[in-house]
Amino acid sequence: MVSQKLLEYLNKGIARELQVSIQYMWQHIQVTGTDGVIVEDIFRKTAIAEMKHAERLDYLNGVATTKPDPIFVRGSLIEMLKQDEQNEEEAINLYKQAIQVAAEEGDYKFRAGDAEDGQGLAAVEDDAGEEQAQDQERAAEVGLAAQAELAV
């Protein structure tokens, strides 16, 4: 049985995954111009991946939150990417804290997931780290595209 403290972390994680899945989907819709072409499909695919993270965190037996954290949907593409990177960093920190609590409580199934499915917090944290790196790469690509446009 998962402790109340770990359930709270799971609900925070689900709220965050709901937030960023909605946020990335809206960003996919809102980006325009040359920069938008570079990232719009990436935003859509990332939104779907974030929903899958929420599914992976559903150890709550039907009592998971349905309320996302605050969603950022306006601003320039650079502002969107900075917000996305910040959200991924916050998610990594949240999952690290939850993994620590799981370790302290001896809840290794929650921490690592089943050996066959790799669905534990460690797998979700790894995905968040990869997405943070992708956000940084996208920001660099957008910056290069903007510089190229200005040079024309």
C-alpha atoms as a PDB file:
ATOM      1  CA  MET A   1       0.000   0.000   0.000  1.00  0.00           C
ATOM      2  CA  VAL A   2       1.320   3.441  -0.956  1.00  0.00           C
ATOM      3  CA  SER A   3       1.685   5.893   1.952  1.00  0.00           C
ATOM      4  CA  GLN A   4      -0.319   9.116   2.154  1.00  0.00           C
ATOM      5  CA  LYS A   5       2.876  11.116   1.586  1.00  0.00           C
ATOM      6  CA  LEU A   6       3.630   9.214  -1.622  1.00  0.00           C
ATOM      7  CA  LEU A   7       0.014   9.601  -2.753  1.00  0.00           C
ATOM      8  CA  GLU A   8       0.416  13.359  -2.359  1.00  0.00           C
ATOM      9  CA  TYR A   9       3.540  13.281  -4.514  1.00  0.00           C
ATOM     10  CA  LEU A  10       1.710  11.205  -7.129  1.00  0.00           C
ATOM     11  CA  ASN A  11      -1.155  13.683  -7.245  1.00  0.00           C
ATOM     12  CA  LYS A  12       1.316  16.565  -7.580  1.00  0.00           C
ATOM     13  CA  GLY A  13       2.976  14.664 -10.410  1.00  0.00           C
ATOM     14  CA  ILE A  14      -0.330  14.001 -12.136  1.00  0.00           C
ATOM     15  CA  ALA A  15      -1.351  17.681 -11.774  1.00  0.00           C
ATOM     16  CA  ARG A  16       1.965  18.672 -13.348  1.00  0.00           C
ATOM     17  CA  GLU A  17       1.659  16.148 -16.203  1.00  0.00           C
ATOM     18  CA  LEU A  18      -1.883  17.339 -16.935  1.00  0.00           C
ATOM     19  CA  GLN A  19      -0.613  20.934 -16.912  1.00  0.00           C
ATOM     20  CA  VAL A  20       2.192  20.378 -19.366  1.00  0.00           C
ATOM     21  CA  SER A  21       0.203  18.107 -21.664  1.00  0.00           C
ATOM     22  CA  ILE A  22      -2.441  20.825 -22.074  1.00  0.00           C
ATOM     23  CA  GLN A  23       0.230  23.514 -22.258  1.00  0.00           C
ATOM     24  CA  TYR A  24       2.225  21.749 -24.983  1.00  0.00           C
ATOM     25  CA  MET A  25      -0.947  21.049 -26.990  1.00  0.00           C
ATOM     26  CA  TRP A  26      -1.973  24.721 -26.888  1.00  0.00           C
ATOM     27  CA  GLN A  27       1.556  25.789 -27.761  1.00  0.00           C
ATOM     28  CA  HIS A  28       1.387  23.434 -30.750  1.00  0.00           C
ATOM     29  CA  ILE A  29      -1.714  25.326 -31.879  1.00  0.00           C
ATOM     30  CA  GLN A  30      -0.395  28.815 -31.117  1.00  0.00           C
ATOM     31  CA  VAL A  31       3.059  28.792 -32.710  1.00  0.00           C
ATOM     32  CA  THR A  32       3.228  30.527 -36.061  1.00  0.00           C
ATOM     33  CA  GLY A  33       5.705  31.578 -38.691  1.00  0.00           C
ATOM     34  CA  THR A  34       9.042  30.032 -39.525  1.00  0.00           C
ATOM     35  CA  ASP A  35       9.767  29.247 -35.884  1.00  0.00           C
ATOM     36  CA  GLY A  36       6.395  27.558 -35.523  1.00  0.00           C
ATOM     37  CA  VAL A  37       7.133  25.179 -38.368  1.00  0.00           C
ATOM     38  CA  ILE A  38      10.245  24.030 -36.506  1.00  0.00           C
ATOM     39  CA  VAL A  39       8.440  23.110 -33.276  1.00  0.00           C
ATOM     40  CA  GLU A  40       4.692  22.689 -33.781  1.00  0.00           C
ATOM     41  CA  ASP A  41       4.795  18.933 -34.348  1.00  0.00           C
ATOM     42  CA  ILE A  42       7.299  18.503 -31.520  1.00  0.00           C
ATOM     43  CA  PHE A  43       4.909  20.316 -29.155  1.00  0.00           C
ATOM     44  CA  ARG A  44       2.052  18.002 -30.203  1.00  0.00           C
ATOM     45  CA  LYS A  45       4.115  14.850 -29.752  1.00  0.00           C
ATOM     46  CA  THR A  46       5.396  16.081 -26.388  1.00  0.00           C
ATOM     47  CA  ALA A  47       1.822  16.771 -25.236  1.00  0.00           C
ATOM     48  CA  ILE A  48       0.936  13.141 -25.942  1.00  0.00           C
ATOM     49  CA  ALA A  49       4.068  11.896 -24.157  1.00  0.00           C
ATOM     50  CA  GLU A  50       3.170  14.006 -21.095  1.00  0.00           C
ATOM     51  CA  MET A  51      -0.296  12.401 -20.946  1.00  0.00           C
ATOM     52  CA  LYS A  52       1.401   9.012 -20.968  1.00  0.00           C
ATOM     53  CA  HIS A  53       3.410  10.137 -17.931  1.00  0.00           C
ATOM     54  CA  ALA A  54       0.158  10.871 -16.130  1.00  0.00           C
ATOM     55  CA  GLU A  55      -0.995   7.341 -16.966  1.00  0.00           C
ATOM     56  CA  ARG A  56       2.255   5.931 -15.585  1.00  0.00           C
ATOM     57  CA  LEU A  57       1.722   7.778 -12.314  1.00  0.00           C
ATOM     58  CA  ASP A  58      -1.784   6.414 -11.777  1.00  0.00           C
ATOM     59  CA  TYR A  59      -1.149   4.224  -8.755  1.00  0.00           C
ATOM     60  CA  LEU A  60      -4.006   5.977  -6.949  1.00  0.00           C
ATOM     61  CA  ASN A  61      -6.792   3.451  -7.523  1.00  0.00           C
ATOM     62  CA  GLY A  62      -9.254   5.933  -8.957  1.00  0.00           C
ATOM     63  CA  VAL A  63      -8.596   8.941  -6.697  1.00  0.00           C
ATOM     64  CA  ALA A  64      -6.161  10.838  -8.912  1.00  0.00           C
ATOM     65  CA  THR A  65      -6.518  14.586  -9.277  1.00  0.00           C
ATOM     66  CA  THR A  66      -8.121  15.960 -12.422  1.00  0.00           C
ATOM     67  CA  LYS A  67      -7.001  19.536 -11.758  1.00  0.00           C
ATOM     68  CA  PRO A  68      -3.844  20.586 -13.607  1.00  0.00           C
ATOM     69  CA  ASP A  69      -1.253  22.991 -12.264  1.00  0.00           C
ATOM     70  CA  PRO A  70      -1.489  26.510 -13.824  1.00  0.00           C
ATOM     71  CA  ILE A  71      -1.133  26.444 -17.604  1.00  0.00           C
ATOM     72  CA  PHE A  72       1.024  28.925 -19.539  1.00  0.00           C
ATOM     73  CA  VAL A  73      -0.301  29.428 -23.083  1.00  0.00           C
ATOM     74  CA  ARG A  74       0.608  32.924 -24.218  1.00  0.00           C
ATOM     75  CA  GLY A  75       3.781  34.720 -25.179  1.00  0.00           C
ATOM     76  CA  SER A  76       6.507  34.374 -27.742  1.00  0.00           C
ATOM     77  CA  LEU A  77       7.925  31.036 -28.735  1.00  0.00           C
ATOM     78  CA  ILE A  78      11.037  31.756 -26.680  1.00  0.00           C
ATOM     79  CA  GLU A  79       8.851  32.502 -23.630  1.00  0.00           C
ATOM     80  CA  MET A  80       6.965  29.255 -24.201  1.00  0.00           C
ATOM     81  CA  LEU A  81      10.196  27.263 -24.407  1.00  0.00           C
ATOM     82  CA  LYS A  82      11.602  28.907 -21.273  1.00  0.00           C
ATOM     83  CA  GLN A  83       8.390  28.105 -19.410  1.00  0.00           C
ATOM     84  CA  ASP A  84       8.475  24.519 -20.676  1.00  0.00           C
ATOM     85  CA  GLU A  85      12.079  24.118 -19.555  1.00  0.00           C
ATOM     86  CA  GLN A  86      11.207  25.510 -16.121  1.00  0.00           C
ATOM     87  CA  ASN A  87       8.242  23.113 -15.847  1.00  0.00           C
ATOM     88  CA  GLU A  88      10.439  20.138 -16.743  1.00  0.00           C
ATOM     89  CA  GLU A  89      13.041  21.202 -14.161  1.00  0.00           C
ATOM     90  CA  GLU A  90      10.329  21.470 -11.497  1.00  0.00           C
ATOM     91  CA  ALA A  91       9.020  18.027 -12.480  1.00  0.00           C
ATOM     92  CA  ILE A  92      12.479  16.501 -12.163  1.00  0.00           C
ATOM     93  CA  ASN A  93      12.830  17.997  -8.682  1.00  0.00           C
ATOM     94  CA  LEU A  94       9.380  16.721  -7.682  1.00  0.00           C
ATOM     95  CA  TYR A  95      10.144  13.202  -8.886  1.00  0.00           C
ATOM     96  CA  LYS A  96      13.525  13.190  -7.149  1.00  0.00           C
ATOM     97  CA  GLN A  97      11.787  14.110  -3.883  1.00  0.00           C
ATOM     98  CA  ALA A  98       9.167  11.400  -4.397  1.00  0.00           C
ATOM     99  CA  ILE A  99      11.853   8.823  -5.196  1.00  0.00           C
ATOM    100  CA  GLN A 100      13.664   9.798  -1.991  1.00  0.00           C
ATOM    101  CA  VAL A 101      10.482   9.378   0.068  1.00  0.00           C
ATOM    102  CA  ALA A 102       9.790   6.022  -1.589  1.00  0.00           C
ATOM    103  CA  ALA A 103      13.326   4.886  -0.761  1.00  0.00           C
ATOM    104  CA  GLU A 104      12.980   6.045   2.852  1.00  0.00           C
ATOM    105  CA  GLU A 105       9.720   4.119   3.151  1.00  0.00           C
ATOM    106  CA  GLY A 106      11.156   1.042   1.459  1.00  0.00           C
ATOM    107  CA  ASP A 107       8.624   1.265  -1.369  1.00  0.00           C
ATOM    108  CA  TYR A 108      10.820   0.067  -4.221  1.00  0.00           C
ATOM    109  CA  LYS A 109       7.941  -0.942  -6.510  1.00  0.00           C
ATOM    110  CA  PHE A 110       6.673   2.638  -6.516  1.00  0.00           C
ATOM    111  CA  ARG A 111      10.179   3.995  -6.926  1.00  0.00           C
ATOM    112  CA  ALA A 112      11.349   1.752  -9.762  1.00  0.00           C
ATOM    113  CA  GLY A 113       8.149   0.228 -11.119  1.00  0.00           C
ATOM    114  CA  ASP A 114       7.725  -3.387 -12.058  1.00  0.00           C
ATOM    115  CA  ALA A 115      10.825  -4.877 -13.624  1.00  0.00           C
ATOM    116  CA  GLU A 116       8.867  -5.649 -16.788  1.00  0.00           C
ATOM    117  CA  ASP A 117       7.103  -2.330 -17.293  1.00  0.00           C
ATOM    118  CA  GLY A 118       9.621   0.312 -16.139  1.00  0.00           C
ATOM    119  CA  GLN A 119       6.678   2.445 -15.068  1.00  0.00           C
ATOM    120  CA  GLY A 120       8.022   3.782 -11.770  1.00  0.00           C
ATOM    121  CA  LEU A 121       8.963   7.312 -10.844  1.00  0.00           C
ATOM    122  CA  ALA A 122      12.549   6.796 -11.943  1.00  0.00           C
ATOM    123  CA  ALA A 123      11.367   6.194 -15.529  1.00  0.00           C
ATOM    124  CA  VAL A 124       9.137   9.299 -15.474  1.00  0.00           C
ATOM    125  CA  GLU A 125      12.009  11.368 -14.033  1.00  0.00           C
ATOM    126  CA  ASP A 126      14.308  10.145 -16.821  1.00  0.00           C
ATOM    127  CA  ASP A 127      11.705  11.152 -19.419  1.00  0.00           C
ATOM    128  CA  ALA A 128      11.402  14.621 -17.846  1.00  0.00           C
ATOM    129  CA  GLY A 129      15.182  15.047 -18.061  1.00  0.00           C
ATOM    130  CA  GLU A 130      15.146  14.091 -21.728  1.00  0.00           C
ATOM    131  CA  GLU A 131      12.322  16.551 -22.407  1.00  0.00           C
ATOM    132  CA  GLN A 132      14.207  19.332 -20.620  1.00  0.00           C
ATOM    133  CA  ALA A 133      17.196  18.712 -22.911  1.00  0.00           C
ATOM    134  CA  GLN A 134      14.851  18.781 -25.929  1.00  0.00           C
ATOM    135  CA  ASP A 135      13.407  22.121 -24.746  1.00  0.00           C
ATOM    136  CA  GLN A 136      16.939  23.542 -24.649  1.00  0.00           C
ATOM    137  CA  GLU A 137      17.653  22.208 -28.152  1.00  0.00           C
ATOM    138  CA  ARG A 138      14.395  23.683 -29.496  1.00  0.00           C
ATOM    139  CA  ALA A 139      15.223  27.071 -27.956  1.00  0.00           C
ATOM    140  CA  ALA A 140      18.611  26.994 -29.705  1.00  0.00           C
ATOM    141  CA  GLU A 141      16.998  26.014 -33.031  1.00  0.00           C
ATOM    142  CA  VAL A 142      14.442  28.813 -32.737  1.00  0.00           C
ATOM    143  CA  GLY A 143      17.190  31.295 -31.910  1.00  0.00           C
ATOM    144  CA  LEU A 144      19.139  30.262 -35.014  1.00  0.00           C
ATOM    145  CA  ALA A 145      16.026  30.522 -37.205  1.00  0.00           C
ATOM    146  CA  ALA A 146      15.272  33.991 -35.823  1.00  0.00           C
ATOM    147  CA  GLN A 147      18.850  35.124 -36.508  1.00  0.00           C
ATOM    148  CA  ALA A 148      18.612  33.792 -40.061  1.00  0.00           C
ATOM    149  CA  GLU A 149      15.345  35.696 -40.626  1.00  0.00           C
ATOM    150  CA  LEU A 150      16.886  38.937 -39.334  1.00  0.00           C
ATOM    151  CA  ALA A 151      19.878  38.508 -41.648  1.00  0.00           C
ATOM    152  CA  VAL A 152      17.611  38.406 -44.729  1.00  0.00           C
END
